[in-house]
Protein backbone atom coordinates (compact mmCIF):
# COMPACT_ATOMS: atom_id res chain seq x y z
CA MET A 1 0.03 0.03 -0.03
CA ASP A 2 1.38 3.37 -0.91
CA ALA A 3 -0.34 5.91 1.49
CA ASN A 4 -0.50 9.57 0.90
CA VAL A 5 -0.12 10.35 4.58
CA SER A 6 1.85 8.55 7.34
CA VAL A 7 0.82 9.17 10.90
CA ILE A 8 3.43 8.38 13.48
CA ILE A 9 2.34 7.64 17.04
CA ALA A 10 4.66 7.15 20.03
CA VAL A 11 3.23 4.32 22.24
CA TYR A 12 5.62 4.46 25.08
CA ASN A 13 3.59 3.39 28.11
CA ALA A 14 0.36 4.48 26.27
CA GLU A 15 -1.77 1.36 26.78
CA GLU A 16 -4.48 3.29 28.57
CA TYR A 17 -4.76 5.78 25.65
CA LEU A 18 -3.92 3.61 22.69
CA LYS A 19 -7.53 2.70 21.57
CA GLN A 20 -8.72 6.31 21.91
CA CYS A 21 -5.79 7.50 19.84
CA LEU A 22 -6.17 5.00 17.13
CA ASP A 23 -9.90 5.52 17.00
CA SER A 24 -9.28 9.17 16.46
CA VAL A 25 -6.83 8.63 13.60
CA CYS A 26 -8.89 5.89 11.96
CA ASN A 27 -12.09 8.03 12.10
CA GLN A 28 -10.61 10.86 10.05
CA THR A 29 -12.13 11.56 6.59
CA LEU A 30 -8.80 10.85 4.84
CA LYS A 31 -8.61 7.14 4.37
CA ASP A 32 -5.42 6.77 2.37
CA ILE A 33 -3.21 6.63 5.35
CA GLU A 34 -0.72 4.41 7.09
CA ILE A 35 -0.30 4.47 10.85
CA ILE A 36 3.09 3.74 12.27
CA CYS A 37 3.28 3.06 16.06
CA ILE A 38 6.71 3.49 17.59
CA ASN A 39 7.67 1.86 20.86
CA ASP A 40 10.90 2.72 22.69
CA GLY A 41 10.99 0.26 25.65
CA SER A 42 7.51 0.46 26.92
CA SER A 43 6.78 -1.44 30.10
CA ASP A 44 2.99 -1.60 29.98
CA GLY A 45 0.72 -3.89 28.04
CA TYR A 46 0.42 -1.81 24.92
CA TYR A 47 1.61 -4.76 22.75
CA ASN A 48 -1.31 -7.02 23.61
CA LYS A 49 -3.69 -4.05 23.37
CA PHE A 50 -2.44 -3.20 19.95
CA PHE A 51 -3.04 -6.69 18.51
CA SER A 52 -6.41 -7.01 20.22
CA LEU A 53 -7.92 -3.90 18.68
CA PRO A 54 -10.16 -4.52 15.66
CA TYR A 55 -8.32 -2.52 13.10
CA GLU A 56 -7.28 -3.70 9.71
CA LYS A 57 -3.55 -4.47 10.30
CA THR A 58 -2.58 -3.78 6.67
CA PHE A 59 -2.30 -0.02 7.28
CA LEU A 60 -1.01 -0.32 10.90
CA LYS A 61 2.72 -0.89 11.52
CA LEU A 62 4.32 -1.51 14.89
CA ASN A 63 8.00 -0.72 15.35
CA HIS A 64 10.08 -1.57 18.47
CA PHE A 65 13.32 0.09 19.33
């Protein structure tokens, strides 16, 4: 997929806010997007939360650093 817009979201210890954040981005009128979630050593359960959310994973990317 070649998206026109890339949205980069930092998910460091953001488990509590991850769903709300992704809902907000996914509900925008522009649909030709990719969402890149960046983690830098998070210690909460964001990883399980990320994969339990009902989003099409083809435009979601998760990167660990």
